[in-house]
Amino acid sequence: MTATSSHNDHTHSDRTDAGNTGAPDSVAAWEERYAEADDAIWSGNPNESLVAVVSEMTPGRVLDVGCGEGADIVWMAENGWDATGIDLSTTAIDRARRAAESRGISAEFVVADVSSWEPEDPDRRGGFDLVTGSFLHTRLPDTREELLTRVAAHVAPGGALLLVSHATMPPWAAEHSEKFEHGMDHHHELVSPNGDFALLIGASPHRWEIELADTRTRQATSPSGEPAELEDAILLARRV
């Protein structure tokens, strides 16, 4: 099973398996991570790299895998997208719904695992014009190739997959990792856009073309509230 959740800047995919020593119960771990805070743990601002790419696209149906507290989905819904976000954490999804409601935004939020979730509306199954995944990560025995295949399966013909990943390690990564006691201490992965594309075309039954493979710098706020500069690896691939 692949389970996916997000910190807005950090989305994780973890496998829960009694036979896999050290693999966390990711649902419980991510729910605890969000629930231990009385308020939202992230800024509520959309990811700058995502905004820069999506602003150039024609709005349609969008799915955000591991949407966390919903900042990206709220922004996309405000900008004309028919928006759906899924995440493991009930607390995160509740906050995402409240964030949308507070701004008068219509968006769908679902507590779900990307490996098994399907939209209730049959027309939306494999029918999203854009699927986004920010900071998706895996743990053994799952592979990133399997994860990307599951995420990409929701992209409609002619639609696009947007992945935003860590190009360099966030400066707070070591401190943040030590906070977890659920075997999640290896949750930061560095990936390249071209590497992800190679995995995608190797596993997906569909044809894909690269529209963007880039690394961009953006300003961010650390979990402790300090300013930081991050480098994002960005892949935009279109299903053809």
Protein backbone atom coordinates (compact mmCIF):
# COMPACT_ATOMS: atom_id res chain seq x y z
CA MET A 1 0.00 0.00 0.00
CA THR A 2 1.28 3.46 -0.77
CA ALA A 3 -0.04 6.17 1.49
CA THR A 4 0.44 9.80 0.69
CA SER A 5 0.37 12.87 2.87
CA SER A 6 1.86 16.33 2.81
CA HIS A 7 3.25 19.17 4.89
CA ASN A 8 2.50 21.52 2.00
CA ASP A 9 6.26 21.67 1.42
CA HIS A 10 6.72 17.99 2.25
CA THR A 11 4.65 15.18 0.83
CA HIS A 12 5.44 11.63 1.85
CA SER A 13 4.57 8.25 0.52
CA ASP A 14 5.12 5.44 3.01
CA ARG A 15 4.33 1.77 3.01
CA THR A 16 2.79 0.13 6.05
CA ASP A 17 3.68 -3.54 6.19
CA ALA A 18 4.00 -5.68 9.28
CA GLY A 19 6.77 -7.63 7.58
CA ASN A 20 8.71 -4.52 6.65
CA THR A 21 10.80 -3.75 9.73
CA GLY A 22 10.97 -0.05 10.44
CA ALA A 23 8.19 0.98 8.07
CA PRO A 24 5.86 3.36 9.87
CA ASP A 25 2.12 3.37 10.08
CA SER A 26 2.09 6.44 7.88
CA VAL A 27 -1.59 7.22 8.42
CA ALA A 28 -1.13 7.40 12.20
CA ALA A 29 2.20 9.22 11.89
CA TRP A 30 0.89 11.94 9.62
CA GLU A 31 -2.33 12.34 11.55
CA GLU A 32 -0.29 12.79 14.73
CA ARG A 33 1.98 15.31 12.98
CA TYR A 34 -0.97 17.52 12.05
CA ALA A 35 -3.10 16.90 15.14
CA GLU A 36 -0.35 17.83 17.59
CA ALA A 37 -0.65 21.44 16.42
CA ASP A 38 -3.72 23.47 17.36
CA ASP A 39 -3.45 25.56 14.20
CA ALA A 40 -2.20 25.05 10.66
CA ILE A 41 1.47 24.05 10.58
CA TRP A 42 2.16 25.71 7.21
CA SER A 43 1.80 29.24 5.93
CA GLY A 44 -1.31 28.71 3.80
CA ASN A 45 0.55 30.14 0.80
CA PRO A 46 0.75 28.09 -2.40
CA ASN A 47 4.10 26.78 -3.58
CA GLU A 48 5.76 29.46 -5.72
CA SER A 49 7.12 26.97 -8.23
CA LEU A 50 3.70 25.41 -8.72
CA VAL A 51 2.09 28.82 -9.12
CA ALA A 52 4.62 29.86 -11.76
CA VAL A 53 3.93 26.76 -13.87
CA VAL A 54 0.18 26.47 -13.40
CA SER A 55 -0.41 30.16 -14.09
CA GLU A 56 0.55 29.47 -17.71
CA MET A 57 -2.02 26.66 -18.09
CA THR A 58 -5.70 26.67 -19.08
CA PRO A 59 -7.83 25.71 -16.05
CA GLY A 60 -9.62 22.37 -16.04
CA ARG A 61 -9.89 19.48 -13.60
CA VAL A 62 -6.95 19.25 -11.21
CA LEU A 63 -6.02 16.64 -8.60
CA ASP A 64 -3.43 17.42 -5.92
CA VAL A 65 -1.99 14.23 -4.43
CA GLY A 66 -0.95 14.78 -0.80
CA CYS A 67 -2.62 18.17 -0.58
CA GLY A 68 -1.93 18.69 3.13
CA GLU A 69 -3.73 21.77 4.47
CA GLY A 70 -4.83 22.68 0.96
CA ALA A 71 -2.85 25.82 0.06
CA ASP A 72 -2.15 24.76 -3.53
CA ILE A 73 -5.69 23.51 -4.14
CA VAL A 74 -7.26 26.68 -2.72
CA TRP A 75 -5.08 28.81 -4.98
CA MET A 76 -5.93 26.72 -8.05
CA ALA A 77 -9.65 26.80 -7.25
CA GLU A 78 -9.44 30.59 -6.89
CA ASN A 79 -7.91 30.67 -10.36
CA GLY A 80 -10.65 28.74 -12.11
CA TRP A 81 -9.65 25.11 -11.62
CA ASP A 82 -12.15 22.38 -10.75
CA ALA A 83 -10.01 21.26 -7.83
CA THR A 84 -9.72 18.04 -5.83
CA GLY A 85 -7.17 17.32 -3.09
CA ILE A 86 -6.45 14.02 -1.35
CA ASP A 87 -4.37 13.39 1.76
CA LEU A 88 -3.97 10.72 4.43
CA SER A 89 -4.53 13.02 7.39
CA THR A 90 -8.08 13.74 8.50
CA THR A 91 -6.87 16.80 10.40
CA ALA A 92 -5.07 18.16 7.34
CA ILE A 93 -8.15 17.65 5.17
CA ASP A 94 -10.38 19.33 7.77
CA ARG A 95 -8.07 22.35 7.75
CA ALA A 96 -8.03 22.38 3.96
CA ARG A 97 -11.84 22.42 3.86
CA ARG A 98 -11.96 25.26 6.38
CA ALA A 99 -9.37 27.23 4.41
CA ALA A 100 -11.45 26.90 1.26
CA GLU A 101 -14.68 27.79 3.05
CA SER A 102 -13.12 30.85 4.70
CA ARG A 103 -12.30 32.21 1.26
CA GLY A 104 -15.58 31.23 -0.34
CA ILE A 105 -13.89 28.64 -2.54
CA SER A 106 -15.50 25.48 -3.86
CA ALA A 107 -13.09 22.53 -3.85
CA GLU A 108 -13.29 18.83 -3.01
CA PHE A 109 -11.10 17.36 -0.28
CA VAL A 110 -10.91 13.63 0.45
CA VAL A 111 -9.06 11.58 3.06
CA ALA A 112 -7.54 8.94 0.80
CA ASP A 113 -4.56 6.80 -0.19
CA VAL A 114 -3.42 7.39 -3.77
CA SER A 115 -2.77 3.67 -4.31
CA SER A 116 -6.44 2.76 -3.89
CA TRP A 117 -8.49 5.94 -4.29
CA GLU A 118 -10.77 6.50 -7.25
CA PRO A 119 -13.14 9.46 -7.71
CA GLU A 120 -16.80 8.71 -7.06
CA ASP A 121 -17.67 10.28 -10.40
CA PRO A 122 -16.75 7.72 -13.13
CA ASP A 123 -16.02 10.56 -15.56
CA ARG A 124 -13.18 11.72 -13.33
CA ARG A 125 -11.47 8.33 -13.14
CA GLY A 126 -8.31 8.79 -15.13
CA GLY A 127 -9.83 12.06 -16.25
CA PHE A 128 -7.89 14.94 -14.65
CA ASP A 129 -6.44 17.61 -16.93
CA LEU A 130 -3.68 18.20 -14.39
CA VAL A 131 -2.35 16.06 -11.55
CA THR A 132 0.09 17.68 -9.15
CA GLY A 133 2.37 16.09 -6.58
CA SER A 134 4.61 18.27 -4.44
CA PHE A 135 7.49 16.59 -2.60
CA LEU A 136 6.34 13.01 -3.10
CA HIS A 137 8.57 10.51 -1.35
CA THR A 138 8.72 6.74 -0.98
CA ARG A 139 10.05 4.10 1.37
CA LEU A 140 11.08 0.54 0.71
CA PRO A 141 9.63 -1.81 -0.36
CA ASP A 142 7.70 0.66 -2.53
CA THR A 143 9.61 2.32 -5.34
CA ARG A 144 9.29 5.81 -6.76
CA GLU A 145 8.48 4.23 -10.09
CA GLU A 146 5.41 2.56 -8.56
CA LEU A 147 4.35 5.80 -6.92
CA LEU A 148 4.66 7.84 -10.11
CA THR A 149 2.68 5.22 -12.01
CA ARG A 150 -0.16 5.43 -9.48
CA VAL A 151 -0.21 9.21 -9.54
CA ALA A 152 0.04 9.40 -13.34
CA ALA A 153 -2.87 6.99 -13.75
CA HIS A 154 -5.21 9.85 -12.84
CA VAL A 155 -4.07 12.00 -15.80
CA ALA A 156 -6.47 12.21 -18.74
CA PRO A 157 -5.30 11.83 -22.36
CA GLY A 158 -3.75 15.16 -23.29
CA GLY A 159 -3.47 16.10 -19.61
CA ALA A 160 -0.34 16.91 -17.63
CA LEU A 161 1.55 15.69 -14.57
CA LEU A 162 3.37 18.31 -12.50
CA LEU A 163 5.93 17.13 -9.94
CA VAL A 164 7.72 19.56 -7.64
CA SER A 165 10.53 17.94 -5.65
CA HIS A 166 13.53 18.82 -3.51
CA ALA A 167 16.56 19.64 -5.67
CA THR A 168 18.61 20.28 -2.52
CA MET A 169 18.00 19.30 1.07
CA PRO A 170 15.97 21.84 3.09
CA PRO A 171 18.24 23.41 5.74
CA TRP A 172 15.97 22.18 8.53
CA ALA A 173 15.78 18.58 7.25
CA ALA A 174 17.99 16.98 9.93
CA GLU A 175 16.22 18.72 12.83
CA HIS A 176 12.80 18.00 11.34
CA SER A 177 13.62 14.33 10.80
CA GLU A 178 14.72 13.87 14.41
CA LYS A 179 11.28 14.97 15.59
CA PHE A 180 9.59 11.90 14.15
CA GLU A 181 9.58 8.67 16.10
CA HIS A 182 7.68 6.57 13.56
CA GLY A 183 10.56 5.47 11.35
CA MET A 184 10.14 8.55 9.15
CA ASP A 185 13.70 9.78 9.57
CA HIS A 186 14.59 9.14 5.92
CA HIS A 187 11.69 11.01 4.40
CA HIS A 188 13.69 13.60 2.40
CA GLU A 189 14.71 12.48 -1.07
CA LEU A 190 16.53 14.38 -3.77
CA VAL A 191 15.26 13.66 -7.26
CA SER A 192 15.84 15.12 -10.69
CA PRO A 193 13.17 16.02 -13.26
CA ASN A 194 14.84 13.90 -15.93
CA GLY A 195 15.18 11.00 -13.51
CA ASP A 196 11.48 11.14 -12.69
CA PHE A 197 10.63 11.30 -16.38
CA ALA A 198 12.71 8.20 -17.06
CA LEU A 199 10.81 6.34 -14.33
CA LEU A 200 7.49 7.59 -15.66
CA ILE A 201 8.00 6.48 -19.25
CA GLY A 202 9.49 3.20 -18.09
CA ALA A 203 6.45 2.23 -16.04
CA SER A 204 3.42 4.02 -17.48
CA PRO A 205 1.47 2.28 -20.26
CA HIS A 206 0.92 5.68 -21.89
CA ARG A 207 3.17 7.96 -23.94
CA TRP A 208 4.55 11.11 -22.30
CA GLU A 209 6.44 14.17 -23.45
CA ILE A 210 8.46 16.60 -21.33
CA GLU A 211 7.17 20.17 -21.38
CA LEU A 212 9.39 21.44 -18.58
CA ALA A 213 12.36 20.02 -16.67
CA ASP A 214 13.94 22.71 -14.53
CA THR A 215 15.38 23.69 -11.15
CA ARG A 216 14.15 26.92 -9.54
CA THR A 217 14.92 28.81 -6.35
CA ARG A 218 12.19 30.13 -4.08
CA GLN A 219 11.82 31.73 -0.66
CA ALA A 220 10.19 29.65 2.07
CA THR A 221 9.61 29.57 5.82
CA SER A 222 11.07 26.82 7.99
CA PRO A 223 8.94 24.86 10.49
CA SER A 224 10.34 27.15 13.21
CA GLY A 225 9.34 30.27 11.29
CA GLU A 226 12.75 31.25 9.95
CA PRO A 227 13.16 32.42 6.33
CA ALA A 228 14.94 30.02 3.99
CA GLU A 229 15.87 29.65 0.33
CA LEU A 230 14.94 26.35 -1.32
CA GLU A 231 15.65 24.80 -4.70
CA ASP A 232 12.79 22.95 -6.37
CA ALA A 233 13.14 20.37 -9.12
CA ILE A 234 10.19 20.72 -11.50
CA LEU A 235 8.89 18.23 -14.03
CA LEU A 236 5.89 18.96 -16.25
CA ALA A 237 5.07 15.99 -18.47
CA ARG A 238 2.12 15.71 -20.84
CA ARG A 239 0.31 12.50 -21.71
CA VAL A 240 0.09 12.11 -25.50
